[in-house]
Amino acid sequence: MMQALALRWKNWKQPSLMRRLLLAQMAVVALLWTMTIALLLYDSYDDPELLKYDKIFNTVMAIAQNMAEQPERQQQTLAAFDAALVETVADGDPASDSAPVLQVWQGDRLVYRSTAAVPVILNTAPNRIETVKAGNREWRARTLVSTTSDTRVLLAEPSVWRLTVTVLNRGYYLLPLVISLPFLVFPAWLSVRLALRPWRQVSKETAERGPADLTPLSYAPPHKELQPLVQSINSLLQRVRDSTTRERSLIADAAHELRTPLAAMRVNVEALKEQSTDEGQRELMGNLLRSNDRAARLVGQLLQLMRSDAVSGNNLPVMLSLDALVQDRLAMIEGLASARHVELELVCDDRVPVLGERESLASMVDNLINNAIKYSPEGTTVMVHVARDGGHALLTVADWGPGIPPPLRERVFDRFFRNPEQTQSGSGLGLAIVKSVVDWHGGEVSLGEAAGGGLLATVRLPLAEADAPQPLLCS
């Protein structure tokens, strides 16, 4: 449970473009709503409609004048009118911060005021909207004076800050956001998801590419926002493809050109060794021949590596029998094993079909078995096993050599990397070739410890479909 919660929290903390766009949309909605409320508050402060409505002043003035001889009825009528005004403006709550204040004078006598909690408010000039401070509050107030009597009517509204506090306290600002945002999240999520479909298509095609597939992306989006991205990716792939091709051609050409002088050197040294009778010279020439063998093997591995890297989608795979291919390669390598007094033992199932490129798979098998023979002590046995394992073809090669320490079992697949404690000569290309071939065929290769303490190399390749149309090549 805790692990699942930790995984969800990790996924939530990871930056997400979808979440970023949703938050941006909600922030825009909140900003627009805030600006709308601010504009309404500013408009009510700068141009208060209630204070500009002369009919209110005239009605209050008429009530005060017509009922001046009946003070009790005058108070009741003004109170009823004031209540109706508060009902309209402040939802019937006279104690509200947004409730207007009505004050009426006849001569110097204050005949009515909405509440005793608000002190007397006085304008500096009649018939003008002013900001007046009364008590600890500011008001927008206007006083209208009768032209036929000494009656004055003052109507005041709270300042914009009080209105703002009222709007916030009553939820006029937050409540619409809280109600509307959940209903906006799903449409926003759906619109963003639909808008990002072309982006996901580009990501999907890029993710499905293998390490050797440097062809341009097939998806050409019509959207002007995505076109520069796809063009940049294709341009990068083209540059990497050109650079890789140049490097591969250079190495292949150099390796090919080295084969002839190395062969000529070997022939000449062998001839000199046969003619020489001096044991010291013969020993030096033997060392030259061994060095020549190592150089020739390195050149051969370089050519194998270039051929395995050059395998592309144009080289269509064919169905072949992995067990028959391994038997064929073991027969070819038997002489080398006999020369080193190492025995080869093969255990395999019948018909283990795979789809692949024969020459590169043969190179993979040769390098695995050659390495096992090279590092196995005399008198030991190299065990080779080919079998079916679920939906995979399994090839294992076990030897009795020194093995490879666990921390180095991944690094030895890098080109030219060798175990620093290894005393045997080598170029560090054999396992790099194996890795390149296995990757191209969609398989996996791993190194472990054999039962006898040596190295166990395990290769898994996808089994071919039984109804595949290609003919089975059994070597």
Protein backbone atom coordinates (compact mmCIF):
# COMPACT_ATOMS: atom_id res chain seq x y z
CA MET A 1 0.00 0.00 0.00
CA MET A 2 2.74 2.42 1.02
CA GLN A 3 4.72 1.53 -2.09
CA ALA A 4 1.71 2.25 -4.31
CA LEU A 5 1.18 5.61 -2.58
CA ALA A 6 4.86 6.44 -2.94
CA LEU A 7 4.70 5.58 -6.66
CA ARG A 8 1.63 7.79 -7.14
CA TRP A 9 3.28 10.65 -5.28
CA LYS A 10 6.40 10.26 -7.44
CA ASN A 11 4.28 10.34 -10.61
CA TRP A 12 2.42 13.41 -9.33
CA LYS A 13 5.65 15.25 -8.53
CA GLN A 14 7.03 14.58 -11.98
CA PRO A 15 6.46 17.62 -14.22
CA SER A 16 3.60 17.11 -16.66
CA LEU A 17 2.76 19.20 -19.68
CA MET A 18 -0.90 18.13 -19.42
CA ARG A 19 -1.09 19.29 -15.80
CA ARG A 20 0.73 22.50 -16.69
CA LEU A 21 -1.78 23.32 -19.43
CA LEU A 22 -4.75 22.51 -17.18
CA LEU A 23 -3.40 24.72 -14.41
CA ALA A 24 -2.72 27.46 -16.93
CA GLN A 25 -6.33 27.31 -18.17
CA MET A 26 -7.72 27.40 -14.63
CA ALA A 27 -5.39 30.29 -13.76
CA VAL A 28 -6.62 32.19 -16.81
CA VAL A 29 -10.26 31.61 -15.78
CA ALA A 30 -9.50 32.77 -12.21
CA LEU A 31 -7.65 35.82 -13.53
CA LEU A 32 -10.52 36.77 -15.86
CA TRP A 33 -13.04 36.38 -13.02
CA THR A 34 -10.83 38.47 -10.70
CA MET A 35 -10.55 41.20 -13.33
CA THR A 36 -14.32 41.15 -13.84
CA ILE A 37 -15.02 41.55 -10.11
CA ALA A 38 -12.36 44.26 -9.84
CA LEU A 39 -13.87 46.10 -12.80
CA LEU A 40 -17.36 45.93 -11.28
CA LEU A 41 -16.09 47.19 -7.92
CA TYR A 42 -14.17 50.01 -9.53
CA ASP A 43 -17.17 50.96 -11.66
CA SER A 44 -19.43 50.98 -8.59
CA TYR A 45 -16.92 53.23 -6.82
CA ASP A 46 -16.20 55.58 -9.69
CA ASP A 47 -19.76 55.81 -10.98
CA PRO A 48 -22.24 54.72 -8.26
CA GLU A 49 -25.58 54.17 -9.93
CA LEU A 50 -27.53 54.33 -6.68
CA LEU A 51 -26.29 57.84 -5.82
CA LYS A 52 -26.99 59.11 -9.32
CA TYR A 53 -30.63 57.96 -9.27
CA ASP A 54 -32.48 61.21 -8.55
CA LYS A 55 -35.89 59.53 -8.20
CA ILE A 56 -34.76 57.97 -4.91
CA PHE A 57 -33.83 61.38 -3.52
CA ASN A 58 -37.05 62.94 -4.82
CA THR A 59 -39.19 60.17 -3.32
CA VAL A 60 -37.55 60.46 0.09
CA MET A 61 -37.86 64.26 -0.07
CA ALA A 62 -41.56 64.04 -0.93
CA ILE A 63 -42.21 61.66 1.97
CA ALA A 64 -40.39 63.93 4.40
CA GLN A 65 -42.17 67.07 3.21
CA ASN A 66 -45.67 65.63 2.91
CA MET A 67 -45.58 64.01 6.33
CA ALA A 68 -43.73 66.75 8.20
CA GLU A 69 -46.85 67.39 10.32
CA GLN A 70 -47.06 63.68 11.26
CA PRO A 71 -43.61 62.75 12.64
CA GLU A 72 -44.57 59.19 13.63
CA ARG A 73 -45.98 58.31 10.20
CA GLN A 74 -43.07 60.12 8.61
CA GLN A 75 -40.61 57.87 10.50
CA GLN A 76 -42.57 54.70 9.65
CA THR A 77 -42.80 55.58 5.96
CA LEU A 78 -39.12 56.53 5.67
CA ALA A 79 -38.17 53.32 7.53
CA ALA A 80 -40.29 51.24 5.14
CA PHE A 81 -38.72 52.94 2.11
CA ASP A 82 -35.23 52.48 3.62
CA ALA A 83 -35.96 48.78 4.21
CA ALA A 84 -37.04 48.36 0.60
CA LEU A 85 -33.83 50.08 -0.52
CA VAL A 86 -31.68 47.81 1.68
CA GLU A 87 -33.60 44.79 0.41
CA THR A 88 -32.71 45.74 -3.14
CA VAL A 89 -29.06 46.61 -2.56
CA ALA A 90 -27.93 44.49 0.41
CA ASP A 91 -30.31 41.50 0.43
CA GLY A 92 -32.35 42.96 3.32
CA ASP A 93 -29.49 43.08 5.84
CA PRO A 94 -29.14 46.63 7.21
CA ALA A 95 -25.99 45.61 9.11
CA SER A 96 -24.28 44.52 5.91
CA ASP A 97 -21.09 46.29 4.90
CA SER A 98 -22.69 46.95 1.52
CA ALA A 99 -25.95 48.41 2.89
CA PRO A 100 -26.57 52.08 1.93
CA VAL A 101 -27.22 54.73 4.56
CA LEU A 102 -30.10 57.20 4.35
CA GLN A 103 -30.13 60.42 6.40
CA VAL A 104 -32.84 63.13 6.18
CA TRP A 105 -32.74 66.70 7.58
CA GLN A 106 -35.39 69.36 7.85
CA GLY A 107 -33.63 72.55 8.69
CA ASP A 108 -30.98 71.74 11.25
CA ARG A 109 -32.91 68.78 12.66
CA LEU A 110 -32.03 65.19 11.65
CA VAL A 111 -35.47 63.63 11.22
CA TYR A 112 -34.33 60.16 10.04
CA ARG A 113 -31.24 58.03 9.67
CA SER A 114 -30.91 54.37 8.76
CA THR A 115 -28.89 53.34 11.81
CA ALA A 116 -27.41 55.01 14.87
CA ALA A 117 -24.23 52.99 14.31
CA VAL A 118 -23.28 55.31 11.47
CA PRO A 119 -22.50 58.86 12.55
CA VAL A 120 -23.79 61.92 10.75
CA ILE A 121 -22.32 62.22 7.26
CA LEU A 122 -21.90 65.68 5.78
CA ASN A 123 -21.02 66.62 2.20
CA THR A 124 -18.94 69.72 1.57
CA ALA A 125 -21.20 70.73 -1.32
CA PRO A 126 -24.74 69.71 -2.31
CA ASN A 127 -25.57 67.57 -5.36
CA ARG A 128 -22.00 66.25 -5.70
CA ILE A 129 -20.73 62.71 -5.14
CA GLU A 130 -17.84 62.84 -2.68
CA THR A 131 -15.72 60.47 -0.61
CA VAL A 132 -16.51 61.35 3.03
CA LYS A 133 -14.99 59.87 6.17
CA ALA A 134 -17.43 59.24 8.99
CA GLY A 135 -16.25 57.41 12.06
CA ASN A 136 -13.63 54.89 11.01
CA ARG A 137 -15.07 54.30 7.56
CA GLU A 138 -15.13 55.98 4.19
CA TRP A 139 -18.34 56.54 2.26
CA ARG A 140 -19.33 57.68 -1.18
CA ALA A 141 -22.05 60.22 -0.36
CA ARG A 142 -24.37 62.66 -2.12
CA THR A 143 -26.71 65.24 -0.62
CA LEU A 144 -29.67 66.67 -2.50
CA VAL A 145 -31.36 69.88 -1.23
CA SER A 146 -35.03 70.64 -1.92
CA THR A 147 -35.71 73.74 -3.98
CA THR A 148 -39.00 74.47 -2.20
CA SER A 149 -38.15 73.75 1.45
CA ASP A 150 -35.30 73.28 3.87
CA THR A 151 -35.32 69.46 3.46
CA ARG A 152 -32.02 67.70 2.70
CA VAL A 153 -31.59 64.04 1.78
CA LEU A 154 -28.22 62.25 2.03
CA LEU A 155 -27.60 58.84 0.56
CA ALA A 156 -24.24 57.12 1.13
CA GLU A 157 -22.64 53.85 0.02
CA PRO A 158 -19.63 52.10 1.59
CA SER A 159 -16.26 52.74 -0.08
CA VAL A 160 -14.82 50.29 -2.58
CA TRP A 161 -12.68 48.60 0.09
CA ARG A 162 -15.73 47.80 2.19
CA LEU A 163 -17.47 46.51 -0.89
CA THR A 164 -14.46 44.33 -1.63
CA VAL A 165 -14.51 42.90 1.88
CA THR A 166 -18.24 42.26 1.53
CA VAL A 167 -17.74 40.49 -1.79
CA LEU A 168 -15.04 38.28 -0.28
CA ASN A 169 -16.89 37.56 2.96
CA ARG A 170 -20.13 36.66 1.24
CA GLY A 171 -18.37 34.36 -1.22
CA TYR A 172 -19.37 36.37 -4.27
CA TYR A 173 -15.78 35.97 -5.52
CA LEU A 174 -14.72 32.47 -4.41
CA LEU A 175 -18.04 30.65 -4.61
CA PRO A 176 -18.48 30.98 -8.41
CA LEU A 177 -14.87 29.82 -8.88
CA VAL A 178 -15.31 26.82 -6.59
CA ILE A 179 -18.52 25.85 -8.38
CA SER A 180 -17.37 26.46 -11.94
CA LEU A 181 -13.74 25.22 -11.93
CA PRO A 182 -14.59 21.50 -11.42
CA PHE A 183 -16.96 21.71 -14.40
CA LEU A 184 -14.22 23.38 -16.42
CA VAL A 185 -11.50 20.83 -15.58
CA PHE A 186 -12.89 17.95 -17.64
CA PRO A 187 -13.59 20.03 -20.80
CA ALA A 188 -10.14 21.60 -20.40
CA TRP A 189 -8.50 18.17 -19.94
CA LEU A 190 -10.37 16.75 -22.92
CA SER A 191 -9.48 19.70 -25.15
CA VAL A 192 -5.81 19.56 -24.15
CA ARG A 193 -5.70 15.79 -24.67
CA LEU A 194 -7.25 16.07 -28.12
CA ALA A 195 -4.93 18.94 -29.01
CA LEU A 196 -1.86 16.88 -27.99
CA ARG A 197 -2.73 13.84 -30.11
CA PRO A 198 -0.33 14.78 -32.94
CA TRP A 199 2.41 15.33 -30.34
CA ARG A 200 1.78 11.84 -28.91
CA GLN A 201 1.94 10.36 -32.41
CA VAL A 202 5.39 11.87 -32.93
CA SER A 203 6.48 10.61 -29.49
CA LYS A 204 5.14 7.12 -30.22
CA GLU A 205 6.97 6.82 -33.53
CA THR A 206 10.19 8.08 -31.95
CA ALA A 207 9.89 5.65 -29.02
CA GLU A 208 9.32 2.68 -31.33
CA ARG A 209 12.58 3.32 -33.17
CA GLY A 210 15.42 0.88 -32.70
CA PRO A 211 18.98 2.10 -32.06
CA ALA A 212 19.97 1.41 -35.67
CA ASP A 213 16.91 3.01 -37.29
CA LEU A 214 17.97 6.51 -38.32
CA THR A 215 15.48 6.98 -41.15
CA PRO A 216 13.34 10.16 -41.08
CA LEU A 217 10.06 10.11 -39.20
CA SER A 218 7.22 8.96 -41.43
CA TYR A 219 4.62 11.15 -39.71
CA ALA A 220 4.49 14.61 -41.29
CA PRO A 221 2.19 16.76 -39.12
CA PRO A 222 0.28 19.56 -40.84
CA HIS A 223 0.34 21.65 -37.67
CA LYS A 224 2.73 24.58 -37.84
CA GLU A 225 3.69 24.15 -34.16
CA LEU A 226 4.86 20.56 -34.71
CA GLN A 227 6.48 20.95 -38.10
CA PRO A 228 9.68 22.62 -36.76
CA LEU A 229 10.06 19.85 -34.15
CA VAL A 230 9.70 17.03 -36.67
CA GLN A 231 12.00 18.80 -39.11
CA SER A 232 14.61 19.22 -36.37
CA ILE A 233 14.38 15.54 -35.41
CA ASN A 234 14.72 14.46 -39.05
CA SER A 235 17.64 16.81 -39.54
CA LEU A 236 19.35 15.40 -36.44
CA LEU A 237 18.74 11.82 -37.63
CA GLN A 238 20.19 12.70 -41.02
CA ARG A 239 23.34 14.18 -39.44
CA VAL A 240 23.79 11.17 -37.15
CA ARG A 241 23.21 8.81 -40.08
CA ASP A 242 25.77 10.61 -42.23
CA SER A 243 28.30 10.70 -39.41
CA THR A 244 27.80 7.01 -38.62
CA THR A 245 28.10 6.08 -42.27
CA ARG A 246 31.35 8.01 -42.63
CA GLU A 247 32.84 6.43 -39.52
CA ARG A 248 31.74 2.94 -40.54
CA SER A 249 33.11 3.38 -44.04
CA LEU A 250 36.42 4.68 -42.70
CA ILE A 251 36.86 1.77 -40.30
CA ALA A 252 35.74 -0.80 -42.88
CA ASP A 253 38.03 0.62 -45.56
CA ALA A 254 40.98 0.77 -43.17
CA ALA A 255 40.37 -2.78 -41.94
CA HIS A 256 40.01 -4.06 -45.49
CA GLU A 257 43.22 -2.35 -46.60
CA LEU A 258 45.13 -3.79 -43.63
CA ARG A 259 44.32 -7.37 -44.54
CA THR A 260 46.66 -7.45 -47.54
CA PRO A 261 49.82 -6.11 -45.84
CA LEU A 262 49.16 -8.32 -42.81
CA ALA A 263 48.87 -11.38 -45.04
CA ALA A 264 52.02 -10.41 -46.93
CA MET A 265 53.87 -9.85 -43.64
CA ARG A 266 52.85 -13.29 -42.41
CA VAL A 267 54.01 -15.01 -45.58
CA ASN A 268 57.39 -13.26 -45.45
CA VAL A 269 57.94 -13.94 -41.75
CA GLU A 270 57.01 -17.61 -42.18
CA ALA A 271 59.46 -17.88 -45.08
CA LEU A 272 62.25 -16.25 -43.05
CA LYS A 273 61.48 -18.48 -40.09
CA GLU A 274 61.80 -21.59 -42.25
CA GLN A 275 65.16 -20.43 -43.63
CA SER A 276 66.65 -19.29 -40.32
CA THR A 277 68.64 -21.69 -38.18
CA ASP A 278 69.23 -19.30 -35.29
CA GLU A 279 66.90 -20.21 -32.40
CA GLY A 280 66.82 -16.61 -31.15
CA GLN A 281 65.70 -15.32 -34.52
CA ARG A 282 63.13 -18.11 -34.88
CA GLU A 283 61.68 -17.18 -31.46
CA LEU A 284 61.45 -13.49 -32.47
CA MET A 285 59.77 -14.48 -35.73
CA GLY A 286 57.33 -16.66 -33.77
CA ASN A 287 56.42 -13.62 -31.68
CA LEU A 288 55.92 -11.65 -34.89
CA LEU A 289 53.59 -14.34 -36.20
CA ARG A 290 51.55 -14.33 -32.99
CA SER A 291 51.31 -10.53 -33.14
CA ASN A 292 50.30 -10.85 -36.78
CA ASP A 293 47.56 -13.30 -35.79
CA ARG A 294 46.23 -10.87 -33.18
CA ALA A 295 46.26 -8.00 -35.69
CA ALA A 296 44.53 -10.14 -38.32
CA ARG A 297 41.90 -11.22 -35.77
CA LEU A 298 41.32 -7.58 -34.80
CA VAL A 299 40.90 -6.62 -38.47
CA GLY A 300 38.46 -9.47 -38.95
CA GLN A 301 36.44 -8.42 -35.89
CA LEU A 302 36.35 -4.83 -37.10
CA LEU A 303 34.94 -6.00 -40.43
CA GLN A 304 32.39 -8.18 -38.61
CA LEU A 305 31.39 -5.24 -36.42
CA MET A 306 30.95 -2.97 -39.44
CA ARG A 307 28.84 -5.61 -41.20
CA SER A 308 26.65 -6.09 -38.12
CA ASP A 309 26.18 -2.32 -37.78
CA ALA A 310 25.39 -2.02 -41.48
CA VAL A 311 22.43 -4.38 -41.21
CA SER A 312 19.33 -2.21 -41.78
CA GLY A 313 15.71 -2.46 -42.73
CA ASN A 314 16.75 -3.10 -46.32
CA ASN A 315 18.21 -6.47 -45.26
CA LEU A 316 15.00 -8.44 -44.86
CA PRO A 317 15.32 -11.21 -42.27
CA VAL A 318 14.70 -14.80 -43.26
CA MET A 319 13.59 -17.75 -41.18
CA LEU A 320 16.47 -20.00 -40.20
CA SER A 321 17.05 -22.80 -37.73
CA LEU A 322 19.21 -21.59 -34.86
CA ASP A 323 20.11 -25.15 -33.80
CA ALA A 324 21.31 -26.00 -37.32
CA LEU A 325 23.28 -22.76 -37.54
CA VAL A 326 25.03 -23.47 -34.22
CA GLN A 327 25.88 -27.02 -35.32
CA ASP A 328 27.38 -25.66 -38.53
CA ARG A 329 29.49 -23.07 -36.71
CA LEU A 330 30.71 -25.62 -34.16
CA ALA A 331 31.91 -27.83 -37.02
CA MET A 332 33.84 -24.86 -38.42
CA ILE A 333 35.44 -24.05 -35.06
CA GLU A 334 36.24 -27.63 -34.07
CA GLY A 335 39.80 -27.29 -35.35
CA LEU A 336 40.51 -24.32 -33.10
CA ALA A 337 39.10 -26.15 -30.08
CA SER A 338 41.22 -29.22 -30.81
CA ALA A 339 44.35 -27.10 -31.14
CA ARG A 340 43.73 -25.70 -27.63
CA HIS A 341 42.75 -29.15 -26.28
CA VAL A 342 39.22 -27.98 -25.45
CA GLU A 343 36.19 -30.15 -26.08
CA LEU A 344 32.94 -28.77 -27.52
CA GLU A 345 29.63 -30.25 -26.35
CA LEU A 346 26.28 -29.31 -27.90
CA VAL A 347 22.81 -29.99 -26.52
CA CYS A 348 19.94 -28.64 -28.60
CA ASP A 349 16.25 -29.04 -29.29
CA ASP A 350 15.03 -29.83 -32.77
CA ARG A 351 13.88 -26.93 -34.91
CA VAL A 352 14.40 -23.69 -33.01
CA PRO A 353 13.35 -21.20 -35.72
CA VAL A 354 14.24 -17.53 -35.61
CA LEU A 355 13.90 -14.63 -38.04
CA GLY A 356 17.23 -13.04 -38.70
CA GLU A 357 20.16 -12.23 -40.93
CA ARG A 358 22.33 -15.34 -41.29
CA GLU A 359 25.77 -13.75 -41.54
CA SER A 360 25.35 -11.56 -38.47
CA LEU A 361 23.93 -14.45 -36.41
CA ALA A 362 26.84 -16.64 -37.50
CA SER A 363 29.23 -13.88 -36.39
CA MET A 364 27.46 -13.76 -33.00
CA VAL A 365 27.79 -17.53 -32.49
CA ASP A 366 31.45 -17.52 -33.60
CA ASN A 367 32.41 -14.78 -31.16
CA LEU A 368 30.66 -16.43 -28.20
CA ILE A 369 32.24 -19.84 -28.82
CA ASN A 370 35.66 -18.41 -29.73
CA ASN A 371 35.72 -16.47 -26.47
CA ALA A 372 34.73 -19.59 -24.51
CA ILE A 373 37.49 -21.64 -26.17
CA LYS A 374 40.07 -18.89 -25.73
CA TYR A 375 39.54 -18.52 -21.99
CA SER A 376 38.95 -22.21 -21.13
CA PRO A 377 41.86 -24.17 -19.63
CA GLU A 378 43.17 -27.20 -21.52
CA GLY A 379 41.22 -30.38 -20.96
CA THR A 380 37.94 -28.65 -20.18
CA THR A 381 34.62 -28.64 -22.03
CA VAL A 382 32.67 -25.75 -23.52
CA MET A 383 28.95 -26.43 -23.13
CA VAL A 384 26.63 -25.03 -25.81
CA HIS A 385 22.86 -25.33 -25.35
CA VAL A 386 20.11 -24.35 -27.83
CA ALA A 387 16.50 -24.66 -26.71
CA ARG A 388 13.04 -23.15 -26.74
CA ASP A 389 12.10 -21.06 -23.71
CA GLY A 390 8.51 -19.88 -23.98
CA GLY A 391 8.36 -17.46 -26.90
CA HIS A 392 12.13 -17.20 -27.18
CA ALA A 393 15.01 -19.15 -28.63
CA LEU A 394 17.65 -19.68 -25.93
CA LEU A 395 21.37 -20.01 -26.66
CA THR A 396 23.78 -20.50 -23.76
CA VAL A 397 27.56 -20.94 -23.88
CA ALA A 398 29.34 -21.96 -20.65
CA ASP A 399 33.09 -22.29 -20.15
CA TRP A 400 35.51 -23.09 -17.32
CA GLY A 401 37.53 -19.87 -17.64
CA PRO A 402 38.15 -17.13 -15.06
CA GLY A 403 34.78 -15.49 -15.74
CA ILE A 404 33.98 -11.78 -15.48
CA PRO A 405 33.37 -9.94 -12.18
CA PRO A 406 29.70 -8.85 -11.80
CA PRO A 407 30.49 -5.07 -11.84
CA LEU A 408 32.08 -5.45 -15.31
CA ARG A 409 29.47 -7.70 -16.95
CA GLU A 410 27.69 -4.76 -18.56
CA ARG A 411 30.78 -2.77 -19.49
CA VAL A 412 32.39 -5.62 -21.44
CA PHE A 413 29.76 -5.06 -24.15
CA ASP A 414 31.34 -1.66 -24.84
CA ARG A 415 33.69 -1.57 -27.79
CA PHE A 416 37.38 -2.02 -26.95
CA PHE A 417 36.71 -2.47 -23.23
CA ARG A 418 38.47 -5.41 -21.59
CA ASN A 419 38.72 -6.70 -18.04
CA PRO A 420 41.85 -5.00 -16.61
CA GLU A 421 42.79 -8.24 -14.80
CA GLN A 422 42.59 -10.33 -17.97
CA THR A 423 45.93 -11.78 -19.07
CA GLN A 424 44.73 -13.17 -22.40
CA SER A 425 45.29 -10.96 -25.45
CA GLY A 426 42.29 -9.54 -27.22
CA SER A 427 40.73 -6.47 -28.80
CA GLY A 428 37.54 -6.04 -26.74
CA LEU A 429 35.31 -6.29 -29.82
CA GLY A 430 33.91 -9.84 -29.59
CA LEU A 431 31.12 -9.13 -27.07
CA ALA A 432 30.44 -5.74 -28.68
CA ILE A 433 29.68 -7.61 -31.93
CA VAL A 434 27.42 -10.03 -30.04
CA LYS A 435 25.53 -7.14 -28.42
CA SER A 436 25.08 -5.33 -31.75
CA VAL A 437 23.69 -8.44 -33.46
CA VAL A 438 21.36 -9.35 -30.58
CA ASP A 439 20.00 -5.80 -30.33
CA TRP A 440 19.22 -5.68 -34.05
CA HIS A 441 17.33 -8.98 -33.77
CA GLY A 442 15.23 -7.70 -30.86
CA GLY A 443 16.79 -10.05 -28.33
CA GLU A 444 18.68 -9.88 -25.05
CA VAL A 445 22.15 -10.97 -24.01
CA SER A 446 23.40 -11.36 -20.45
CA LEU A 447 26.45 -12.70 -18.67
CA GLY A 448 26.49 -14.79 -15.52
CA GLU A 449 28.46 -17.40 -13.68
CA ALA A 450 28.59 -20.93 -15.04
CA ALA A 451 28.21 -23.98 -12.81
CA GLY A 452 31.95 -24.60 -12.88
CA GLY A 453 32.83 -21.04 -11.98
CA GLY A 454 33.45 -19.85 -15.53
CA LEU A 455 31.39 -17.52 -17.69
CA LEU A 456 27.83 -18.24 -18.78
CA ALA A 457 26.67 -16.21 -21.80
CA THR A 458 22.90 -16.29 -22.41
CA VAL A 459 21.21 -15.03 -25.59
CA ARG A 460 17.44 -14.80 -26.00
CA LEU A 461 15.98 -14.23 -29.46
CA PRO A 462 12.29 -14.08 -30.42
CA LEU A 463 11.03 -17.34 -31.85
CA ALA A 464 9.77 -17.14 -35.43
CA GLU A 465 6.05 -17.62 -36.04
CA ALA A 466 5.17 -21.11 -37.12
CA ASP A 467 3.11 -19.86 -40.08
CA ALA A 468 5.72 -17.39 -41.35
CA PRO A 469 5.96 -17.48 -45.17
CA GLN A 470 9.77 -17.59 -45.36
CA PRO A 471 11.40 -20.95 -46.05
CA LEU A 472 13.38 -22.54 -43.21
CA LEU A 473 17.10 -22.42 -43.94
CA CYS A 474 18.88 -25.21 -42.10
CA SER A 475 22.41 -24.54 -43.35
